[in-house]
C-alpha atoms as a PDB file:
ATOM      1  CA  MET A   1      45.408  23.337   2.703  1.00  0.00           C
ATOM      2  CA  LYS A   2      43.601  19.997   2.716  1.00  0.00           C
ATOM      3  CA  GLN A   3      42.568  18.713  -0.704  1.00  0.00           C
ATOM      4  CA  ALA A   4      38.910  17.768  -1.228  1.00  0.00           C
ATOM      5  CA  THR A   5      38.049  14.115  -1.657  1.00  0.00           C
ATOM      6  CA  THR A   6      36.756  13.354  -5.111  1.00  0.00           C
ATOM      7  CA  TYR A   7      34.883  10.319  -6.326  1.00  0.00           C
ATOM      8  CA  PRO A   8      35.047   8.895  -9.833  1.00  0.00           C
ATOM      9  CA  VAL A   9      32.008   9.443 -12.030  1.00  0.00           C
ATOM     10  CA  LEU A  10      29.593   6.538 -11.761  1.00  0.00           C
ATOM     11  CA  THR A  11      29.435   4.171 -14.715  1.00  0.00           C
ATOM     12  CA  PRO A  12      25.946   3.734 -16.202  1.00  0.00           C
ATOM     13  CA  ASP A  13      25.692   0.307 -14.509  1.00  0.00           C
ATOM     14  CA  GLU A  14      26.749   1.786 -11.148  1.00  0.00           C
ATOM     15  CA  ALA A  15      24.200   4.597 -11.511  1.00  0.00           C
ATOM     16  CA  LYS A  16      21.436   2.064 -12.288  1.00  0.00           C
ATOM     17  CA  GLU A  17      22.432  -0.085  -9.310  1.00  0.00           C
ATOM     18  CA  LEU A  18      22.486   2.965  -7.010  1.00  0.00           C
ATOM     19  CA  LEU A  19      18.967   3.925  -8.099  1.00  0.00           C
ATOM     20  CA  ARG A  20      17.769   0.343  -7.648  1.00  0.00           C
ATOM     21  CA  ARG A  21      19.235   0.130  -4.114  1.00  0.00           C
ATOM     22  CA  LYS A  22      17.555   3.404  -3.173  1.00  0.00           C
ATOM     23  CA  GLY A  23      14.208   2.213  -4.585  1.00  0.00           C
ATOM     24  CA  TRP A  24      14.018   4.594  -7.563  1.00  0.00           C
ATOM     25  CA  SER A  25      12.884   3.821 -11.109  1.00  0.00           C
ATOM     26  CA  ASN A  26      13.661   6.149 -14.007  1.00  0.00           C
ATOM     27  CA  LYS A  27       9.945   6.979 -14.193  1.00  0.00           C
ATOM     28  CA  ALA A  28       9.722   7.858 -10.488  1.00  0.00           C
ATOM     29  CA  LEU A  29      12.917   9.936 -10.657  1.00  0.00           C
ATOM     30  CA  ALA A  30      11.617  11.810 -13.697  1.00  0.00           C
ATOM     31  CA  VAL A  31       8.467  12.736 -11.781  1.00  0.00           C
ATOM     32  CA  TRP A  32      10.456  13.640  -8.625  1.00  0.00           C
ATOM     33  CA  TRP A  33      12.904  15.901 -10.485  1.00  0.00           C
ATOM     34  CA  GLY A  34      10.394  17.247 -13.042  1.00  0.00           C
ATOM     35  CA  PHE A  35      12.111  15.865 -16.144  1.00  0.00           C
ATOM     36  CA  SER A  36      10.994  13.519 -18.905  1.00  0.00           C
ATOM     37  CA  ASP A  37      11.643   9.775 -18.734  1.00  0.00           C
ATOM     38  CA  GLU A  38      13.852  10.150 -21.813  1.00  0.00           C
ATOM     39  CA  TYR A  39      16.015  12.814 -20.164  1.00  0.00           C
ATOM     40  CA  ILE A  40      16.557  10.661 -17.067  1.00  0.00           C
ATOM     41  CA  SER A  41      17.423   7.649 -19.228  1.00  0.00           C
ATOM     42  CA  ARG A  42      19.996   9.687 -21.182  1.00  0.00           C
ATOM     43  CA  LEU A  43      21.429  11.053 -17.926  1.00  0.00           C
ATOM     44  CA  ILE A  44      21.786   7.608 -16.308  1.00  0.00           C
ATOM     45  CA  ASN A  45      23.280   6.027 -19.441  1.00  0.00           C
ATOM     46  CA  ASN A  46      25.768   8.875 -20.055  1.00  0.00           C
ATOM     47  CA  ALA A  47      29.213   7.639 -18.961  1.00  0.00           C
ATOM     48  CA  ALA A  48      30.482  11.249 -19.182  1.00  0.00           C
ATOM     49  CA  ARG A  49      27.760  12.803 -17.018  1.00  0.00           C
ATOM     50  CA  LYS A  50      28.759  15.719 -14.813  1.00  0.00           C
ATOM     51  CA  ARG A  51      29.928  15.071 -11.264  1.00  0.00           C
ATOM     52  CA  ARG A  52      27.060  17.212  -9.920  1.00  0.00           C
ATOM     53  CA  ASP A  53      24.600  14.731 -11.459  1.00  0.00           C
ATOM     54  CA  ASP A  54      26.308  11.850  -9.640  1.00  0.00           C
ATOM     55  CA  ASP A  55      26.206  13.892  -6.426  1.00  0.00           C
ATOM     56  CA  ALA A  56      22.462  14.384  -6.945  1.00  0.00           C
ATOM     57  CA  LEU A  57      21.996  10.636  -7.524  1.00  0.00           C
ATOM     58  CA  ARG A  58      24.040   9.756  -4.432  1.00  0.00           C
ATOM     59  CA  GLY A  59      22.022  12.240  -2.367  1.00  0.00           C
ATOM     60  CA  LEU A  60      18.599  10.857  -3.311  1.00  0.00           C
ATOM     61  CA  PRO A  61      16.599   9.674  -0.310  1.00  0.00           C
ATOM     62  CA  THR A  62      15.896   5.975   0.005  1.00  0.00           C
ATOM     63  CA  ARG A  63      12.415   5.448  -1.301  1.00  0.00           C
ATOM     64  CA  LYS A  64      10.005   2.798  -0.179  1.00  0.00           C
ATOM     65  CA  PHE A  65       8.317   0.823  -2.911  1.00  0.00           C
ATOM     66  CA  MET A  66       5.391   2.460  -4.627  1.00  0.00           C
ATOM     67  CA  TYR A  67       3.005   0.522  -6.840  1.00  0.00           C
ATOM     68  CA  ASP A  68       1.305   1.420 -10.124  1.00  0.00           C
ATOM     69  CA  ILE A  69      -0.089  -1.950 -11.261  1.00  0.00           C
ATOM     70  CA  LEU A  70      -2.643  -4.005  -9.331  1.00  0.00           C
ATOM     71  CA  GLU A  71      -2.916  -7.683 -10.271  1.00  0.00           C
ATOM     72  CA  VAL A  72      -6.165  -9.465  -9.432  1.00  0.00           C
ATOM     73  CA  LEU A  73      -7.891 -12.784 -10.045  1.00  0.00           C
ATOM     74  CA  PHE A  74     -11.078 -11.617 -11.726  1.00  0.00           C
ATOM     75  CA  PHE A  75     -14.241 -13.736 -11.455  1.00  0.00           C
ATOM     76  CA  HIS A  76     -16.432 -13.646 -14.576  1.00  0.00           C
ATOM     77  CA  ARG A  77     -20.121 -14.443 -14.212  1.00  0.00           C
ATOM     78  CA  PRO A  78     -21.139 -17.701 -15.897  1.00  0.00           C
ATOM     79  CA  GLY A  79     -22.154 -17.166 -19.504  1.00  0.00           C
ATOM     80  CA  ALA A  80     -21.113 -13.485 -19.488  1.00  0.00           C
ATOM     81  CA  ASP A  81     -19.204 -11.948 -22.383  1.00  0.00           C
ATOM     82  CA  LYS A  82     -15.744 -11.709 -20.822  1.00  0.00           C
ATOM     83  CA  GLN A  83     -14.416  -8.903 -23.013  1.00  0.00           C
ATOM     84  CA  ALA A  84     -17.598  -6.868 -22.522  1.00  0.00           C
ATOM     85  CA  THR A  85     -17.178  -7.270 -18.740  1.00  0.00           C
ATOM     86  CA  LEU A  86     -13.588  -5.974 -18.891  1.00  0.00           C
ATOM     87  CA  ASP A  87     -14.763  -3.116 -21.147  1.00  0.00           C
ATOM     88  CA  ARG A  88     -17.404  -2.200 -18.516  1.00  0.00           C
ATOM     89  CA  LEU A  89     -14.710  -2.251 -15.844  1.00  0.00           C
ATOM     90  CA  GLN A  90     -12.523   0.011 -17.992  1.00  0.00           C
ATOM     91  CA  LYS A  91     -15.419   2.444 -18.421  1.00  0.00           C
ATOM     92  CA  ALA A  92     -16.165   2.418 -14.666  1.00  0.00           C
ATOM     93  CA  LEU A  93     -12.556   3.434 -13.962  1.00  0.00           C
ATOM     94  CA  ASN A  94     -13.045   6.746 -15.809  1.00  0.00           C
ATOM     95  CA  GLY A  95      -9.697   6.734 -17.601  1.00  0.00           C
ATOM     96  CA  ASP A  96      -7.792   6.833 -14.296  1.00  0.00           C
ATOM     97  CA  PHE A  97      -6.712   3.214 -14.813  1.00  0.00           C
ATOM     98  CA  GLU A  98      -6.089   0.901 -17.760  1.00  0.00           C
ATOM     99  CA  VAL A  99      -7.428  -2.688 -17.703  1.00  0.00           C
ATOM    100  CA  GLU A 100      -5.436  -5.558 -19.247  1.00  0.00           C
ATOM    101  CA  GLY A 101      -6.884  -9.056 -19.393  1.00  0.00           C
ATOM    102  CA  HIS A 102      -4.319 -11.862 -19.142  1.00  0.00           C
ATOM    103  CA  GLU A 103      -4.459 -15.654 -18.916  1.00  0.00           C
ATOM    104  CA  PHE A 104      -7.401 -17.634 -17.639  1.00  0.00           C
ATOM    105  CA  VAL A 105      -6.918 -19.812 -14.563  1.00  0.00           C
ATOM    106  CA  THR A 106      -8.784 -23.035 -15.273  1.00  0.00           C
ATOM    107  CA  GLU A 107      -9.460 -26.248 -13.451  1.00  0.00           C
ATOM    108  CA  THR A 108     -11.070 -27.874 -16.482  1.00  0.00           C
ATOM    109  CA  PRO A 109     -10.773 -27.147 -20.215  1.00  0.00           C
ATOM    110  CA  PHE A 110     -14.295 -25.683 -20.135  1.00  0.00           C
ATOM    111  CA  ASP A 111     -13.793 -23.373 -17.151  1.00  0.00           C
ATOM    112  CA  GLU A 112     -12.930 -19.815 -18.145  1.00  0.00           C
ATOM    113  CA  SER A 113     -14.548 -18.007 -15.254  1.00  0.00           C
ATOM    114  CA  ARG A 114     -11.322 -16.882 -13.534  1.00  0.00           C
ATOM    115  CA  GLN A 115      -8.888 -14.557 -15.286  1.00  0.00           C
ATOM    116  CA  VAL A 116      -5.719 -12.747 -14.228  1.00  0.00           C
ATOM    117  CA  VAL A 117      -6.286  -9.024 -14.828  1.00  0.00           C
ATOM    118  CA  ARG A 118      -3.877  -6.128 -14.395  1.00  0.00           C
ATOM    119  CA  ILE A 119      -5.218  -2.691 -13.498  1.00  0.00           C
ATOM    120  CA  ILE A 120      -2.652  -0.020 -14.341  1.00  0.00           C
ATOM    121  CA  ALA A 121      -2.708   3.430 -12.755  1.00  0.00           C
ATOM    122  CA  SER A 122      -2.396   6.257 -15.269  1.00  0.00           C
ATOM    123  CA  ASN A 123      -1.257   9.059 -12.970  1.00  0.00           C
ATOM    124  CA  GLU A 124      -1.007   7.720  -9.414  1.00  0.00           C
ATOM    125  CA  GLU A 125       1.314   5.582  -7.326  1.00  0.00           C
ATOM    126  CA  PHE A 126       0.226   3.712  -4.207  1.00  0.00           C
ATOM    127  CA  GLU A 127       2.103   2.712  -1.057  1.00  0.00           C
ATOM    128  CA  SER A 128       0.490  -0.728  -0.897  1.00  0.00           C
ATOM    129  CA  GLY A 129      -1.632  -3.145  -2.883  1.00  0.00           C
ATOM    130  CA  LEU A 130      -4.430  -2.558  -0.368  1.00  0.00           C
ATOM    131  CA  ASP A 131      -4.324   1.245  -0.876  1.00  0.00           C
ATOM    132  CA  PHE A 132      -4.374   0.652  -4.625  1.00  0.00           C
ATOM    133  CA  GLU A 133      -7.343  -1.723  -4.417  1.00  0.00           C
ATOM    134  CA  GLU A 134      -9.291   0.646  -2.153  1.00  0.00           C
ATOM    135  CA  ARG A 135      -8.860   3.472  -4.691  1.00  0.00           C
ATOM    136  CA  VAL A 136     -10.032   1.239  -7.562  1.00  0.00           C
ATOM    137  CA  ARG A 137     -13.005   0.032  -5.476  1.00  0.00           C
ATOM    138  CA  GLU A 138     -14.144   3.657  -5.121  1.00  0.00           C
ATOM    139  CA  LEU A 139     -14.840   3.524  -8.862  1.00  0.00           C
ATOM    140  CA  ALA A 140     -15.690  -0.159  -9.430  1.00  0.00           C
ATOM    141  CA  SER A 141     -18.053  -1.672  -6.864  1.00  0.00           C
ATOM    142  CA  GLU A 142     -17.459  -5.137  -5.503  1.00  0.00           C
ATOM    143  CA  ASP A 143     -21.082  -6.048  -6.282  1.00  0.00           C
ATOM    144  CA  GLU A 144     -20.553  -5.535 -10.007  1.00  0.00           C
ATOM    145  CA  PHE A 145     -16.881  -6.508 -10.361  1.00  0.00           C
ATOM    146  CA  GLN A 146     -15.668  -9.417  -8.272  1.00  0.00           C
ATOM    147  CA  TRP A 147     -11.990 -10.169  -7.841  1.00  0.00           C
ATOM    148  CA  GLN A 148      -9.374 -11.274  -5.357  1.00  0.00           C
ATOM    149  CA  ARG A 149      -6.177  -9.247  -5.085  1.00  0.00           C
ATOM    150  CA  ILE A 150      -3.068 -11.219  -6.038  1.00  0.00           C
ATOM    151  CA  GLY A 151      -0.567  -8.418  -5.481  1.00  0.00           C
ATOM    152  CA  ALA A 152       0.903  -5.293  -6.996  1.00  0.00           C
ATOM    153  CA  VAL A 153       3.843  -4.400  -9.228  1.00  0.00           C
ATOM    154  CA  PRO A 154       6.350  -1.770  -8.029  1.00  0.00           C
ATOM    155  CA  VAL A 155       6.788   1.311 -10.215  1.00  0.00           C
ATOM    156  CA  GLY A 156       9.263   0.459 -12.972  1.00  0.00           C
ATOM    157  CA  GLY A 157       9.053  -3.255 -12.190  1.00  0.00           C
ATOM    158  CA  THR A 158       7.551  -6.215 -13.985  1.00  0.00           C
ATOM    159  CA  GLU A 159       7.185  -8.807 -11.218  1.00  0.00           C
ATOM    160  CA  THR A 160       4.111  -8.965  -9.000  1.00  0.00           C
ATOM    161  CA  VAL A 161       4.765  -8.665  -5.269  1.00  0.00           C
ATOM    162  CA  LEU A 162       2.268 -10.470  -3.053  1.00  0.00           C
ATOM    163  CA  CYS A 163       0.736  -7.818  -0.817  1.00  0.00           C
END
């Protein structure tokens, strides 16, 4: 009788690298499998996890990037209260997205009309920055809120990808 081939249990670092190569974040995997983020984190970081869990990780499909943060260059109207404008944007997005104001992009010390803003999806993921922006524009009209898309951040990531 032929003996079955066995593989060693993945180390936590190997499990993380496998997920990264396949395009999965802990958050996305938790949603996919129906577990909490905390459970997935404990599973990945458990050096004594069961072989069946490694088999499940190895068998995950390769996932294309999905995005949950849209980064834009927001144009404030001259003389407008900048925080009030971002608060109006937040209200227009009906709780589906969170608005975070970041640094101002200035050409002179007195120019604070352009600001980097991140719009964070609460419950959705998008296949592209354009898809993301189109969904946000359904709630926040271009006439009232003017911006230029910089890019989007992949789920579980921190770096903006130009798209």
